């Protein structure tokens, strides 16, 4: 079975490197997902410090939570390096790094959890309650790493926030930018909010003009006719 992750061992230092490239899933359907059981088997097959390279669009939040817990519980040091994308559930896994590094061309994205529900209004309410609790659990990981308030993190998730490396470091989601020399200023940072962009575009749409008030043209014509006669 082809897996979109692999381990590389450094025999001289006893350290291992893990590359995560793919969708995080609770079960394997096509043989190209990162699943918790397979991940655990690989993680515990060796010892020593581990460097985790992440390039993943996310996936199953509960599977990501399991992988996050395995990394947090691992006896060696975990260093996370984001070289492409750590989005959605993958961003939760990234928070398990004692040190989180981002490539200067990488992105990190956080947003609210989502699901598909079928049923009556009570079923919809139960689905909403579940999503609310899942969001709180995700915030726990973000809060532990970034130190941001839960309210701030909730707003960032509501807006589906995309961060480049500088902004992720500024907000505490990452610790350092790879290949960079010296400190970056806030002016170099970028944060992208889908909600903010949508609102900005809406504000630029031409507003419907209200009808002008005044004397109707027919009345003016009559007055001009009376004056000319």
N, C-alpha and C. Protein backbone atom coordinates (compact mmCIF):
# COMPACT_ATOMS: atom_id res chain seq x y z
N UNK A 1 0.84 -1.19 0.00
CA UNK A 1 0.00 0.00 0.00
C UNK A 1 0.88 1.25 0.00
N UNK A 2 0.59 2.16 -0.88
CA UNK A 2 1.35 3.39 -0.96
C UNK A 2 0.86 4.37 0.10
N UNK A 3 1.80 4.88 0.90
CA UNK A 3 1.46 5.86 1.93
C UNK A 3 2.10 7.19 1.58
N UNK A 4 1.35 8.25 1.83
CA UNK A 4 1.88 9.56 1.53
C UNK A 4 2.64 10.14 2.72
N UNK A 5 3.36 9.29 3.41
CA UNK A 5 4.32 9.74 4.40
C UNK A 5 5.41 8.69 4.49
N UNK A 6 6.58 9.11 4.90
CA UNK A 6 7.67 8.17 5.04
C UNK A 6 8.67 8.67 6.07
N UNK A 7 9.40 7.73 6.64
CA UNK A 7 10.39 8.04 7.65
C UNK A 7 11.79 7.96 7.06
N UNK A 8 12.65 8.87 7.51
CA UNK A 8 14.06 8.83 7.14
C UNK A 8 14.86 8.85 8.44
N UNK A 9 15.71 7.86 8.65
CA UNK A 9 16.47 7.76 9.89
C UNK A 9 17.91 8.21 9.68
N UNK A 10 18.40 9.03 10.62
CA UNK A 10 19.80 9.43 10.63
C UNK A 10 20.54 8.50 11.58
N UNK A 11 21.30 7.57 11.03
CA UNK A 11 21.95 6.54 11.85
C UNK A 11 22.98 7.13 12.80
N UNK A 12 23.54 8.29 12.46
CA UNK A 12 24.61 8.87 13.29
C UNK A 12 24.06 9.57 14.52
N UNK A 13 22.84 10.09 14.45
CA UNK A 13 22.29 10.86 15.58
C UNK A 13 21.09 10.18 16.23
N UNK A 14 20.63 9.08 15.65
CA UNK A 14 19.44 8.38 16.15
C UNK A 14 18.16 9.22 15.99
N UNK A 15 18.24 10.28 15.21
CA UNK A 15 17.05 11.10 14.98
C UNK A 15 16.35 10.63 13.72
N UNK A 16 15.02 10.87 13.68
CA UNK A 16 14.22 10.46 12.54
C UNK A 16 13.49 11.67 11.96
N UNK A 17 13.23 11.60 10.66
CA UNK A 17 12.47 12.64 9.98
C UNK A 17 11.22 12.01 9.39
N UNK A 18 10.09 12.64 9.63
CA UNK A 18 8.80 12.14 9.13
C UNK A 18 8.23 13.16 8.15
N UNK A 19 7.85 12.70 6.98
CA UNK A 19 7.24 13.57 5.98
C UNK A 19 5.76 13.22 5.86
N UNK A 20 4.89 14.18 6.18
CA UNK A 20 3.44 14.01 6.07
C UNK A 20 2.96 14.80 4.85
N UNK A 21 2.53 14.09 3.84
CA UNK A 21 2.04 14.73 2.62
C UNK A 21 0.76 14.04 2.17
N UNK A 22 -0.37 14.59 2.55
CA UNK A 22 -1.62 13.98 2.13
C UNK A 22 -2.77 14.32 3.04
N UNK A 23 -3.89 13.70 2.75
CA UNK A 23 -5.13 13.95 3.50
C UNK A 23 -5.14 13.12 4.76
N UNK A 24 -5.55 13.71 5.87
CA UNK A 24 -5.64 13.01 7.15
C UNK A 24 -7.01 12.35 7.24
N UNK A 25 -7.04 11.04 7.43
CA UNK A 25 -8.29 10.32 7.44
C UNK A 25 -8.32 9.30 8.56
N UNK A 26 -9.53 9.02 9.06
CA UNK A 26 -9.70 8.02 10.10
C UNK A 26 -9.61 6.61 9.54
N UNK A 27 -9.96 6.44 8.29
CA UNK A 27 -9.90 5.15 7.63
C UNK A 27 -9.22 5.28 6.29
N UNK A 28 -8.70 4.17 5.80
CA UNK A 28 -8.05 4.16 4.50
C UNK A 28 -9.01 3.65 3.44
N UNK A 29 -9.32 4.50 2.48
CA UNK A 29 -10.21 4.10 1.38
C UNK A 29 -9.41 3.85 0.11
N UNK A 30 -8.49 4.74 -0.18
CA UNK A 30 -7.76 4.63 -1.44
C UNK A 30 -6.27 4.32 -1.23
N UNK A 31 -5.86 4.23 0.01
CA UNK A 31 -4.45 3.94 0.27
C UNK A 31 -3.56 5.16 0.21
N UNK A 32 -4.14 6.36 0.23
CA UNK A 32 -3.31 7.56 0.16
C UNK A 32 -3.62 8.53 1.29
N UNK A 33 -4.16 8.03 2.40
CA UNK A 33 -4.47 8.89 3.53
C UNK A 33 -3.51 8.64 4.67
N UNK A 34 -3.40 9.63 5.55
CA UNK A 34 -2.61 9.50 6.77
C UNK A 34 -3.56 9.06 7.86
N UNK A 35 -3.47 7.83 8.32
CA UNK A 35 -4.40 7.32 9.31
C UNK A 35 -3.69 7.15 10.66
N UNK A 36 -4.43 7.33 11.77
CA UNK A 36 -3.80 7.25 13.10
C UNK A 36 -3.12 5.92 13.40
N UNK A 37 -3.76 4.81 13.05
CA UNK A 37 -3.19 3.51 13.38
C UNK A 37 -1.86 3.29 12.67
N UNK A 38 -1.83 3.58 11.38
CA UNK A 38 -0.59 3.43 10.63
C UNK A 38 0.48 4.38 11.15
N UNK A 39 0.03 5.60 11.47
CA UNK A 39 0.97 6.59 11.97
C UNK A 39 1.59 6.14 13.29
N UNK A 40 0.76 5.59 14.19
CA UNK A 40 1.26 5.14 15.49
C UNK A 40 2.27 4.02 15.32
N UNK A 41 1.98 3.08 14.44
CA UNK A 41 2.90 1.98 14.20
C UNK A 41 4.26 2.49 13.75
N UNK A 42 4.25 3.47 12.86
CA UNK A 42 5.51 4.02 12.36
C UNK A 42 6.22 4.85 13.43
N UNK A 43 5.44 5.62 14.19
CA UNK A 43 6.03 6.49 15.22
C UNK A 43 6.74 5.67 16.29
N UNK A 44 6.11 4.58 16.73
CA UNK A 44 6.65 3.79 17.82
C UNK A 44 7.64 2.72 17.36
N UNK A 45 7.91 2.68 16.08
CA UNK A 45 8.85 1.68 15.55
C UNK A 45 10.29 2.07 15.81
N UNK A 46 10.52 3.29 16.29
CA UNK A 46 11.87 3.75 16.57
C UNK A 46 11.87 4.67 17.77
N UNK A 47 13.04 5.22 18.06
CA UNK A 47 13.18 6.14 19.19
C UNK A 47 13.96 7.37 18.73
N UNK A 48 14.22 8.27 19.67
CA UNK A 48 14.98 9.46 19.34
C UNK A 48 14.09 10.63 18.95
N UNK A 49 14.70 11.78 18.74
CA UNK A 49 13.96 12.98 18.35
C UNK A 49 13.41 12.83 16.94
N UNK A 50 12.29 13.51 16.71
CA UNK A 50 11.61 13.40 15.41
C UNK A 50 11.35 14.79 14.84
N UNK A 51 11.68 14.96 13.57
CA UNK A 51 11.33 16.16 12.83
C UNK A 51 10.20 15.82 11.88
N UNK A 52 9.09 16.54 11.98
CA UNK A 52 7.91 16.26 11.16
C UNK A 52 7.75 17.36 10.11
N UNK A 53 7.85 16.99 8.86
CA UNK A 53 7.59 17.93 7.76
C UNK A 53 6.14 17.76 7.34
N UNK A 54 5.40 18.87 7.29
CA UNK A 54 3.97 18.81 6.98
C UNK A 54 3.64 19.56 5.70
N UNK A 55 2.91 18.90 4.83
CA UNK A 55 2.29 19.54 3.67
C UNK A 55 0.95 18.83 3.46
N UNK A 56 -0.10 19.35 4.10
CA UNK A 56 -1.39 18.65 4.09
C UNK A 56 -2.53 19.65 4.11
N UNK A 57 -3.60 19.37 3.34
CA UNK A 57 -4.78 20.24 3.35
C UNK A 57 -5.70 19.98 4.53
N UNK A 58 -5.38 18.97 5.35
CA UNK A 58 -6.24 18.65 6.49
C UNK A 58 -6.99 17.36 6.27
N UNK A 59 -8.15 17.26 6.92
CA UNK A 59 -8.94 16.04 6.80
C UNK A 59 -9.79 15.81 8.03
N UNK A 60 -9.82 14.58 8.50
CA UNK A 60 -10.65 14.19 9.63
C UNK A 60 -10.11 14.78 10.93
N UNK A 61 -10.93 15.56 11.62
CA UNK A 61 -10.47 16.27 12.82
C UNK A 61 -10.17 15.31 13.95
N UNK A 62 -10.92 14.21 14.07
CA UNK A 62 -10.68 13.26 15.15
C UNK A 62 -9.40 12.46 14.90
N UNK A 63 -9.13 12.14 13.65
CA UNK A 63 -7.88 11.48 13.31
C UNK A 63 -6.70 12.40 13.60
N UNK A 64 -6.85 13.68 13.26
CA UNK A 64 -5.79 14.66 13.54
C UNK A 64 -5.56 14.78 15.04
N UNK A 65 -6.65 14.74 15.81
CA UNK A 65 -6.53 14.82 17.27
C UNK A 65 -5.72 13.64 17.81
N UNK A 66 -5.96 12.45 17.27
CA UNK A 66 -5.21 11.27 17.70
C UNK A 66 -3.72 11.42 17.39
N UNK A 67 -3.41 11.89 16.20
CA UNK A 67 -2.02 12.07 15.81
C UNK A 67 -1.36 13.15 16.67
N UNK A 68 -2.09 14.23 16.94
CA UNK A 68 -1.60 15.29 17.81
C UNK A 68 -1.24 14.72 19.18
N UNK A 69 -2.13 13.91 19.75
CA UNK A 69 -1.89 13.33 21.07
C UNK A 69 -0.68 12.40 21.07
N UNK A 70 -0.52 11.61 19.99
CA UNK A 70 0.63 10.71 19.90
C UNK A 70 1.94 11.49 19.90
N UNK A 71 1.97 12.60 19.16
CA UNK A 71 3.19 13.41 19.10
C UNK A 71 3.44 14.10 20.43
N UNK A 72 2.38 14.60 21.08
CA UNK A 72 2.54 15.28 22.36
C UNK A 72 3.03 14.30 23.43
N UNK A 73 2.63 13.04 23.32
CA UNK A 73 2.97 12.03 24.33
C UNK A 73 4.31 11.35 24.04
N UNK A 74 4.86 11.60 22.87
CA UNK A 74 6.11 10.95 22.47
C UNK A 74 7.25 11.40 23.38
N UNK A 75 8.13 10.46 23.74
CA UNK A 75 9.18 10.77 24.71
C UNK A 75 10.29 11.64 24.14
N UNK A 76 10.53 11.56 22.84
CA UNK A 76 11.56 12.39 22.23
C UNK A 76 11.04 13.77 21.89
N UNK A 77 11.94 14.64 21.45
CA UNK A 77 11.57 16.00 21.06
C UNK A 77 10.93 15.98 19.68
N UNK A 78 9.82 16.70 19.53
CA UNK A 78 9.12 16.81 18.25
C UNK A 78 9.34 18.22 17.69
N UNK A 79 9.91 18.28 16.50
CA UNK A 79 10.07 19.55 15.79
C UNK A 79 9.24 19.48 14.52
N UNK A 80 8.38 20.47 14.31
CA UNK A 80 7.51 20.50 13.14
C UNK A 80 8.03 21.53 12.15
N UNK A 81 8.08 21.15 10.89
CA UNK A 81 8.48 22.06 9.82
C UNK A 81 7.41 22.03 8.73
N UNK A 82 6.80 23.18 8.48
CA UNK A 82 5.75 23.30 7.47
C UNK A 82 6.39 23.81 6.19
N UNK A 83 6.44 22.96 5.17
CA UNK A 83 7.13 23.36 3.94
C UNK A 83 6.17 23.74 2.82
N UNK A 84 4.89 23.47 3.00
CA UNK A 84 3.91 23.83 1.96
C UNK A 84 2.67 24.39 2.59
N UNK A 85 1.81 23.48 3.08
CA UNK A 85 0.53 23.90 3.66
C UNK A 85 0.22 23.05 4.89
N UNK A 86 -0.21 23.73 5.93
CA UNK A 86 -0.76 23.05 7.11
C UNK A 86 -2.13 23.67 7.34
N UNK A 87 -3.15 23.08 6.74
CA UNK A 87 -4.49 23.67 6.77
C UNK A 87 -5.44 22.81 7.57
N UNK A 88 -6.44 23.46 8.15
CA UNK A 88 -7.52 22.75 8.81
C UNK A 88 -6.97 21.78 9.85
N UNK A 89 -7.32 20.50 9.76
CA UNK A 89 -6.88 19.52 10.74
C UNK A 89 -5.37 19.37 10.80
N UNK A 90 -4.69 19.62 9.68
CA UNK A 90 -3.22 19.53 9.67
C UNK A 90 -2.60 20.60 10.55
N UNK A 91 -3.27 21.74 10.69
CA UNK A 91 -2.74 22.80 11.56
C UNK A 91 -2.78 22.36 13.01
N UNK A 92 -3.74 21.50 13.36
CA UNK A 92 -3.81 20.97 14.73
C UNK A 92 -2.60 20.08 15.00
N UNK A 93 -2.26 19.22 14.06
CA UNK A 93 -1.08 18.36 14.21
C UNK A 93 0.18 19.20 14.37
N UNK A 94 0.26 20.30 13.62
CA UNK A 94 1.43 21.16 13.68
C UNK A 94 1.65 21.73 15.07
N UNK A 95 0.58 21.91 15.83
CA UNK A 95 0.68 22.50 17.16
C UNK A 95 1.37 21.58 18.15
N UNK A 96 1.61 20.32 17.77
CA UNK A 96 2.29 19.37 18.66
C UNK A 96 3.79 19.58 18.68
N UNK A 97 4.31 20.43 17.83
CA UNK A 97 5.74 20.65 17.78
C UNK A 97 6.24 21.48 18.95
N UNK A 98 7.30 21.00 19.60
CA UNK A 98 7.93 21.84 20.61
C UNK A 98 8.45 23.11 19.97
N UNK A 99 8.99 22.95 18.77
CA UNK A 99 9.36 24.08 17.91
C UNK A 99 8.66 23.88 16.58
N UNK A 100 8.01 24.94 16.10
CA UNK A 100 7.32 24.90 14.81
C UNK A 100 8.00 25.89 13.87
N UNK A 101 8.52 25.38 12.77
CA UNK A 101 9.18 26.20 11.77
C UNK A 101 8.32 26.24 10.51
N UNK A 102 8.33 27.39 9.84
CA UNK A 102 7.60 27.50 8.58
C UNK A 102 8.53 27.99 7.48
N UNK A 103 8.38 27.37 6.31
CA UNK A 103 9.09 27.88 5.15
C UNK A 103 8.56 29.28 4.83
N UNK A 104 9.39 30.17 4.30
CA UNK A 104 8.91 31.51 3.97
C UNK A 104 7.83 31.52 2.90
N UNK A 105 7.66 30.40 2.19
CA UNK A 105 6.63 30.33 1.15
C UNK A 105 5.48 29.39 1.55
N UNK A 106 5.42 29.03 2.80
CA UNK A 106 4.36 28.13 3.26
C UNK A 106 3.18 28.91 3.82
N UNK A 107 2.07 28.20 4.06
CA UNK A 107 0.86 28.82 4.61
C UNK A 107 0.28 27.94 5.70
N UNK A 108 -0.39 28.58 6.65
CA UNK A 108 -1.12 27.88 7.70
C UNK A 108 -2.54 28.42 7.72
N UNK A 109 -3.53 27.51 7.78
CA UNK A 109 -4.93 27.95 7.74
C UNK A 109 -5.71 27.30 8.88
N UNK A 110 -6.53 28.13 9.57
CA UNK A 110 -7.41 27.61 10.60
C UNK A 110 -8.84 28.05 10.29
N UNK A 111 -9.80 27.20 10.59
CA UNK A 111 -11.20 27.54 10.36
C UNK A 111 -12.08 26.69 11.27
N UNK A 112 -13.37 26.94 11.22
CA UNK A 112 -14.32 26.20 12.04
C UNK A 112 -14.50 24.79 11.49
N UNK A 113 -14.73 23.81 12.35
CA UNK A 113 -15.01 22.45 11.87
C UNK A 113 -16.36 22.41 11.16
N UNK A 114 -16.51 21.46 10.27
CA UNK A 114 -17.76 21.32 9.53
C UNK A 114 -18.14 19.85 9.44
N UNK A 115 -19.40 19.59 9.14
CA UNK A 115 -19.87 18.22 9.01
C UNK A 115 -21.07 18.19 8.09
N UNK A 116 -21.57 17.01 7.81
CA UNK A 116 -22.81 16.83 7.05
C UNK A 116 -23.81 16.13 7.95
N UNK A 117 -24.99 16.72 8.09
CA UNK A 117 -26.02 16.15 8.95
C UNK A 117 -27.33 16.01 8.18
N UNK A 118 -28.04 14.93 8.47
CA UNK A 118 -29.34 14.68 7.84
C UNK A 118 -30.35 14.37 8.93
N UNK A 119 -31.50 15.01 8.87
CA UNK A 119 -32.51 14.71 9.87
C UNK A 119 -33.39 15.92 10.15
N UNK A 120 -34.12 15.83 11.24
CA UNK A 120 -35.04 16.90 11.60
C UNK A 120 -34.29 18.00 12.34
N UNK A 121 -35.06 18.98 12.86
CA UNK A 121 -34.46 20.13 13.52
C UNK A 121 -33.67 19.73 14.76
N UNK A 122 -34.13 18.70 15.47
CA UNK A 122 -33.42 18.24 16.65
C UNK A 122 -32.06 17.65 16.26
N UNK A 123 -32.04 16.94 15.14
CA UNK A 123 -30.77 16.38 14.67
C UNK A 123 -29.81 17.50 14.27
N UNK A 124 -30.34 18.56 13.66
CA UNK A 124 -29.50 19.70 13.29
C UNK A 124 -28.92 20.38 14.52
N UNK A 125 -29.73 20.48 15.58
CA UNK A 125 -29.26 21.10 16.82
C UNK A 125 -28.16 20.26 17.46
N UNK A 126 -28.33 18.93 17.40
CA UNK A 126 -27.29 18.06 17.95
C UNK A 126 -25.99 18.17 17.15
N UNK A 127 -26.12 18.30 15.84
CA UNK A 127 -24.93 18.46 15.00
C UNK A 127 -24.22 19.77 15.33
N UNK A 128 -24.99 20.82 15.54
CA UNK A 128 -24.40 22.11 15.90
C UNK A 128 -23.70 22.03 17.25
N UNK A 129 -24.33 21.36 18.21
CA UNK A 129 -23.72 21.22 19.53
C UNK A 129 -22.40 20.46 19.44
N UNK A 130 -22.37 19.43 18.58
CA UNK A 130 -21.14 18.66 18.39
C UNK A 130 -20.05 19.54 17.80
N UNK A 131 -20.39 20.31 16.76
CA UNK A 131 -19.40 21.18 16.12
C UNK A 131 -18.87 22.23 17.09
N UNK A 132 -19.74 22.74 17.93
CA UNK A 132 -19.32 23.73 18.93
C UNK A 132 -18.29 23.13 19.88
N UNK A 133 -18.52 21.89 20.31
CA UNK A 133 -17.59 21.24 21.23
C UNK A 133 -16.28 20.88 20.53
N UNK A 134 -16.38 20.46 19.27
CA UNK A 134 -15.16 20.16 18.51
C UNK A 134 -14.33 21.42 18.34
N UNK A 135 -14.98 22.53 18.07
CA UNK A 135 -14.27 23.80 17.95
C UNK A 135 -13.52 24.13 19.23
N UNK A 136 -14.18 23.95 20.37
CA UNK A 136 -13.54 24.23 21.65
C UNK A 136 -12.31 23.34 21.85
N UNK A 137 -12.40 22.08 21.43
CA UNK A 137 -11.26 21.18 21.59
C UNK A 137 -10.10 21.60 20.70
N UNK A 138 -10.40 22.09 19.50
CA UNK A 138 -9.35 22.57 18.60
C UNK A 138 -8.70 23.82 19.18
N UNK A 139 -9.52 24.70 19.74
CA UNK A 139 -8.99 25.92 20.35
C UNK A 139 -8.01 25.57 21.47
N UNK A 140 -8.27 24.46 22.18
CA UNK A 140 -7.36 24.05 23.25
C UNK A 140 -5.93 23.90 22.72
N UNK A 141 -5.78 23.26 21.56
CA UNK A 141 -4.46 23.05 20.98
C UNK A 141 -3.84 24.37 20.52
N UNK A 142 -4.64 25.22 19.87
CA UNK A 142 -4.14 26.51 19.41
C UNK A 142 -3.74 27.39 20.59
N UNK A 143 -4.56 27.38 21.64
CA UNK A 143 -4.29 28.21 22.81
C UNK A 143 -3.00 27.77 23.50
N UNK A 144 -2.81 26.46 23.63
CA UNK A 144 -1.63 25.93 24.29
C UNK A 144 -0.35 26.34 23.56
N UNK A 145 -0.40 26.40 22.24
CA UNK A 145 0.79 26.75 21.45
C UNK A 145 0.97 28.25 21.32
N UNK A 146 -0.08 28.97 20.97
CA UNK A 146 0.05 30.39 20.63
C UNK A 146 -0.03 31.32 21.84
N UNK A 147 -0.78 30.93 22.86
CA UNK A 147 -0.99 31.82 24.00
C UNK A 147 -2.04 32.88 23.75
N UNK A 148 -2.69 32.84 22.58
CA UNK A 148 -3.76 33.79 22.28
C UNK A 148 -5.01 33.47 23.11
N UNK A 149 -5.85 34.47 23.30
CA UNK A 149 -7.08 34.24 24.05
C UNK A 149 -8.03 33.36 23.23
N UNK A 150 -8.91 32.68 23.92
CA UNK A 150 -9.88 31.82 23.24
C UNK A 150 -10.81 32.63 22.35
N UNK A 151 -11.15 33.84 22.79
CA UNK A 151 -12.02 34.70 21.98
C UNK A 151 -11.33 35.08 20.67
N UNK A 152 -10.04 35.44 20.75
CA UNK A 152 -9.28 35.80 19.55
C UNK A 152 -9.19 34.61 18.60
N UNK A 153 -8.89 33.45 19.15
CA UNK A 153 -8.78 32.26 18.32
C UNK A 153 -10.11 31.91 17.67
N UNK A 154 -11.19 32.08 18.42
CA UNK A 154 -12.52 31.80 17.88
C UNK A 154 -12.83 32.71 16.70
N UNK A 155 -12.47 33.98 16.82
CA UNK A 155 -12.71 34.93 15.72
C UNK A 155 -11.88 34.56 14.50
N UNK A 156 -10.64 34.16 14.71
CA UNK A 156 -9.78 33.77 13.59
C UNK A 156 -10.35 32.55 12.87
N UNK A 157 -10.90 31.62 13.62
CA UNK A 157 -11.50 30.43 13.03
C UNK A 157 -12.79 30.78 12.30
N UNK A 158 -13.59 31.66 12.87
CA UNK A 158 -14.84 32.09 12.21
C UNK A 158 -14.55 32.67 10.83
N UNK A 159 -13.43 33.39 10.72
CA UNK A 159 -13.11 34.10 9.48
C UNK A 159 -12.37 33.23 8.47
N UNK A 160 -12.11 31.95 8.79
CA UNK A 160 -11.25 31.10 7.95
C UNK A 160 -9.98 31.85 7.61
N UNK A 161 -9.04 31.84 8.54
CA UNK A 161 -7.86 32.69 8.46
C UNK A 161 -6.67 31.95 7.86
N UNK A 162 -6.08 32.56 6.84
CA UNK A 162 -4.86 32.05 6.22
C UNK A 162 -3.70 32.93 6.65
N UNK A 163 -2.60 32.31 7.08
CA UNK A 163 -1.44 33.06 7.54
C UNK A 163 -0.19 32.64 6.78
N UNK A 164 0.59 33.63 6.37
CA UNK A 164 1.90 33.29 5.84
C UNK A 164 2.84 33.09 7.02
N UNK A 165 4.09 32.76 6.76
CA UNK A 165 5.02 32.40 7.82
C UNK A 165 5.21 33.53 8.83
N UNK A 166 5.34 34.75 8.35
CA UNK A 166 5.58 35.88 9.25
C UNK A 166 4.41 36.09 10.20
N UNK A 167 3.19 36.01 9.66
CA UNK A 167 2.02 36.23 10.50
C UNK A 167 1.85 35.09 11.50
N UNK A 168 2.14 33.87 11.07
CA UNK A 168 2.02 32.73 11.97
C UNK A 168 2.98 32.86 13.15
N UNK A 169 4.19 33.34 12.88
CA UNK A 169 5.16 33.58 13.95
C UNK A 169 4.68 34.71 14.85
N UNK A 170 4.18 35.77 14.23
CA UNK A 170 3.69 36.93 14.99
C UNK A 170 2.57 36.53 15.95
N UNK A 171 1.68 35.65 15.51
CA UNK A 171 0.54 35.25 16.33
C UNK A 171 0.85 34.07 17.25
N UNK A 172 2.04 33.49 17.12
CA UNK A 172 2.43 32.43 18.03
C UNK A 172 2.14 31.02 17.56
N UNK A 173 1.61 30.87 16.35
CA UNK A 173 1.35 29.53 15.82
C UNK A 173 2.65 28.84 15.39
N UNK A 174 3.64 29.61 15.06
CA UNK A 174 4.95 29.10 14.69
C UNK A 174 6.01 29.85 15.47
N UNK A 175 7.22 29.26 15.53
CA UNK A 175 8.29 29.85 16.32
C UNK A 175 9.36 30.55 15.49
N UNK A 176 9.56 30.05 14.28
CA UNK A 176 10.65 30.61 13.48
C UNK A 176 10.41 30.35 12.00
N UNK A 177 11.00 31.20 11.17
CA UNK A 177 10.91 31.04 9.72
C UNK A 177 12.19 30.39 9.22
N UNK A 178 12.04 29.31 8.50
CA UNK A 178 13.21 28.62 7.96
C UNK A 178 13.95 29.47 6.94
N UNK A 179 15.25 29.33 6.92
CA UNK A 179 16.15 29.98 5.95
C UNK A 179 16.27 31.49 6.16
N UNK A 180 15.55 32.05 7.16
CA UNK A 180 15.57 33.50 7.36
C UNK A 180 16.69 33.89 8.31
N UNK A 181 17.30 35.03 8.04
CA UNK A 181 18.33 35.57 8.92
C UNK A 181 17.79 36.81 9.61
N UNK A 182 17.88 36.84 10.93
CA UNK A 182 17.39 38.00 11.67
C UNK A 182 15.89 37.94 11.84
N UNK A 183 15.36 38.94 12.52
CA UNK A 183 13.93 39.00 12.82
C UNK A 183 13.18 39.72 11.70
N UNK A 184 11.98 39.28 11.44
CA UNK A 184 11.10 39.92 10.48
C UNK A 184 10.21 40.92 11.18
N UNK A 185 9.86 41.97 10.50
CA UNK A 185 8.99 42.98 11.09
C UNK A 185 7.55 42.65 10.78
N UNK A 186 6.65 43.27 11.54
CA UNK A 186 5.23 43.03 11.33
C UNK A 186 4.78 43.46 9.96
N UNK A 187 5.51 44.41 9.37
CA UNK A 187 5.13 44.91 8.04
C UNK A 187 5.26 43.82 6.98
N UNK A 188 6.08 42.78 7.28
CA UNK A 188 6.27 41.71 6.32
C UNK A 188 5.18 40.66 6.40
N UNK A 189 4.31 40.76 7.40
CA UNK A 189 3.34 39.69 7.64
C UNK A 189 2.09 39.86 6.81
N UNK A 190 1.39 38.75 6.67
CA UNK A 190 0.15 38.74 5.89
C UNK A 190 -0.85 37.83 6.57
N UNK A 191 -2.07 38.31 6.69
CA UNK A 191 -3.15 37.48 7.19
C UNK A 191 -4.32 37.64 6.24
N UNK A 192 -4.89 36.53 5.83
CA UNK A 192 -5.97 36.54 4.86
C UNK A 192 -7.22 35.98 5.51
N UNK A 193 -8.27 36.77 5.54
CA UNK A 193 -9.54 36.33 6.08
C UNK A 193 -10.55 36.27 4.95
N UNK A 194 -11.14 35.09 4.73
CA UNK A 194 -12.12 34.95 3.67
C UNK A 194 -13.32 35.86 3.93
N UNK A 195 -13.73 35.95 5.19
CA UNK A 195 -14.88 36.80 5.53
C UNK A 195 -14.56 38.26 5.26
N UNK A 196 -13.33 38.68 5.65
CA UNK A 196 -12.95 40.08 5.44
C UNK A 196 -12.90 40.43 3.96
N UNK A 197 -12.37 39.50 3.16
CA UNK A 197 -12.29 39.74 1.72
C UNK A 197 -13.69 39.83 1.12
N UNK A 198 -14.58 38.93 1.53
CA UNK A 198 -15.96 38.96 1.03
C UNK A 198 -16.64 40.27 1.37
N UNK A 199 -16.49 40.69 2.62
CA UNK A 199 -17.10 41.96 3.05
C UNK A 199 -16.51 43.14 2.30
N UNK A 200 -15.20 43.08 2.04
CA UNK A 200 -14.55 44.16 1.30
C UNK A 200 -15.07 44.25 -0.12
N UNK A 201 -15.26 43.09 -0.76
CA UNK A 201 -15.79 43.08 -2.12
C UNK A 201 -17.22 43.59 -2.17
N UNK A 202 -18.01 43.19 -1.18
CA UNK A 202 -19.40 43.63 -1.12
C UNK A 202 -19.47 45.15 -0.97
N UNK A 203 -18.56 45.69 -0.15
CA UNK A 203 -18.57 47.14 0.08
C UNK A 203 -18.23 47.93 -1.16
N UNK A 204 -17.55 47.28 -2.13
CA UNK A 204 -17.16 47.96 -3.36
C UNK A 204 -18.23 47.88 -4.44
N UNK A 205 -19.26 47.08 -4.22
CA UNK A 205 -20.35 46.99 -5.19
C UNK A 205 -21.12 48.30 -5.23
N UNK A 206 -21.55 48.75 -6.42
CA UNK A 206 -22.32 49.99 -6.50
C UNK A 206 -23.62 49.89 -5.72
N UNK A 207 -23.84 50.87 -4.89
CA UNK A 207 -25.06 50.88 -4.08
C UNK A 207 -26.25 51.32 -4.93
N UNK A 208 -27.42 50.78 -4.62
CA UNK A 208 -28.63 51.14 -5.35
C UNK A 208 -28.98 52.59 -5.04
N UNK A 209 -29.13 53.35 -6.09
CA UNK A 209 -29.42 54.77 -5.90
C UNK A 209 -30.89 54.98 -5.56
N UNK A 210 -31.10 55.86 -4.59
CA UNK A 210 -32.46 56.20 -4.22
C UNK A 210 -33.06 57.14 -5.25
N UNK A 211 -34.35 57.05 -5.49
CA UNK A 211 -34.96 57.96 -6.46
C UNK A 211 -34.81 59.41 -6.02
N UNK A 212 -34.47 60.22 -6.96
CA UNK A 212 -34.29 61.64 -6.65
C UNK A 212 -35.64 62.30 -6.38
N UNK A 213 -35.64 63.19 -5.41
CA UNK A 213 -36.85 63.94 -5.08
C UNK A 213 -36.82 65.28 -5.79
N UNK A 214 -37.97 65.80 -6.08
CA UNK A 214 -38.06 67.10 -6.78
C UNK A 214 -39.31 67.17 -7.62
N UNK A 215 -39.37 68.15 -8.47
CA UNK A 215 -40.55 68.37 -9.31
C UNK A 215 -40.52 67.42 -10.51
N UNK A 216 -41.59 66.68 -10.76
CA UNK A 216 -41.64 65.77 -11.91
C UNK A 216 -41.45 66.53 -13.21
N UNK A 217 -40.84 65.86 -14.19
CA UNK A 217 -40.56 66.50 -15.47
C UNK A 217 -41.83 66.96 -16.18
N UNK A 218 -42.96 66.20 -16.00
CA UNK A 218 -44.22 66.60 -16.63
C UNK A 218 -44.69 67.94 -16.09
N UNK A 219 -44.50 68.15 -14.80
CA UNK A 219 -44.93 69.42 -14.20
C UNK A 219 -44.09 70.57 -14.71
N UNK A 220 -42.80 70.30 -14.88
CA UNK A 220 -41.92 71.36 -15.40
C UNK A 220 -42.28 71.73 -16.82
N UNK A 221 -42.64 70.72 -17.61
CA UNK A 221 -43.05 70.99 -19.00
C UNK A 221 -44.27 71.89 -19.04
N UNK A 222 -45.24 71.64 -18.16
CA UNK A 222 -46.45 72.45 -18.12
C UNK A 222 -46.13 73.90 -17.75
N UNK A 223 -45.23 74.04 -16.78
CA UNK A 223 -44.87 75.40 -16.34
C UNK A 223 -44.17 76.17 -17.45
N UNK A 224 -43.28 75.45 -18.14
CA UNK A 224 -42.59 76.13 -19.25
C UNK A 224 -43.58 76.51 -20.34
N UNK A 225 -44.58 75.65 -20.58
CA UNK A 225 -45.60 75.94 -21.58
C UNK A 225 -46.39 77.18 -21.20
N UNK A 226 -46.74 77.31 -19.92
CA UNK A 226 -47.50 78.48 -19.49
C UNK A 226 -46.69 79.75 -19.60
N UNK A 227 -45.37 79.64 -19.30
CA UNK A 227 -44.50 80.83 -19.39
C UNK A 227 -44.36 81.27 -20.84
N UNK A 228 -44.21 80.35 -21.75
CA UNK A 228 -44.01 80.72 -23.16
C UNK A 228 -45.27 81.29 -23.78
N UNK A 229 -46.45 80.98 -23.17
CA UNK A 229 -47.68 81.51 -23.71
C UNK A 229 -48.10 82.74 -22.93
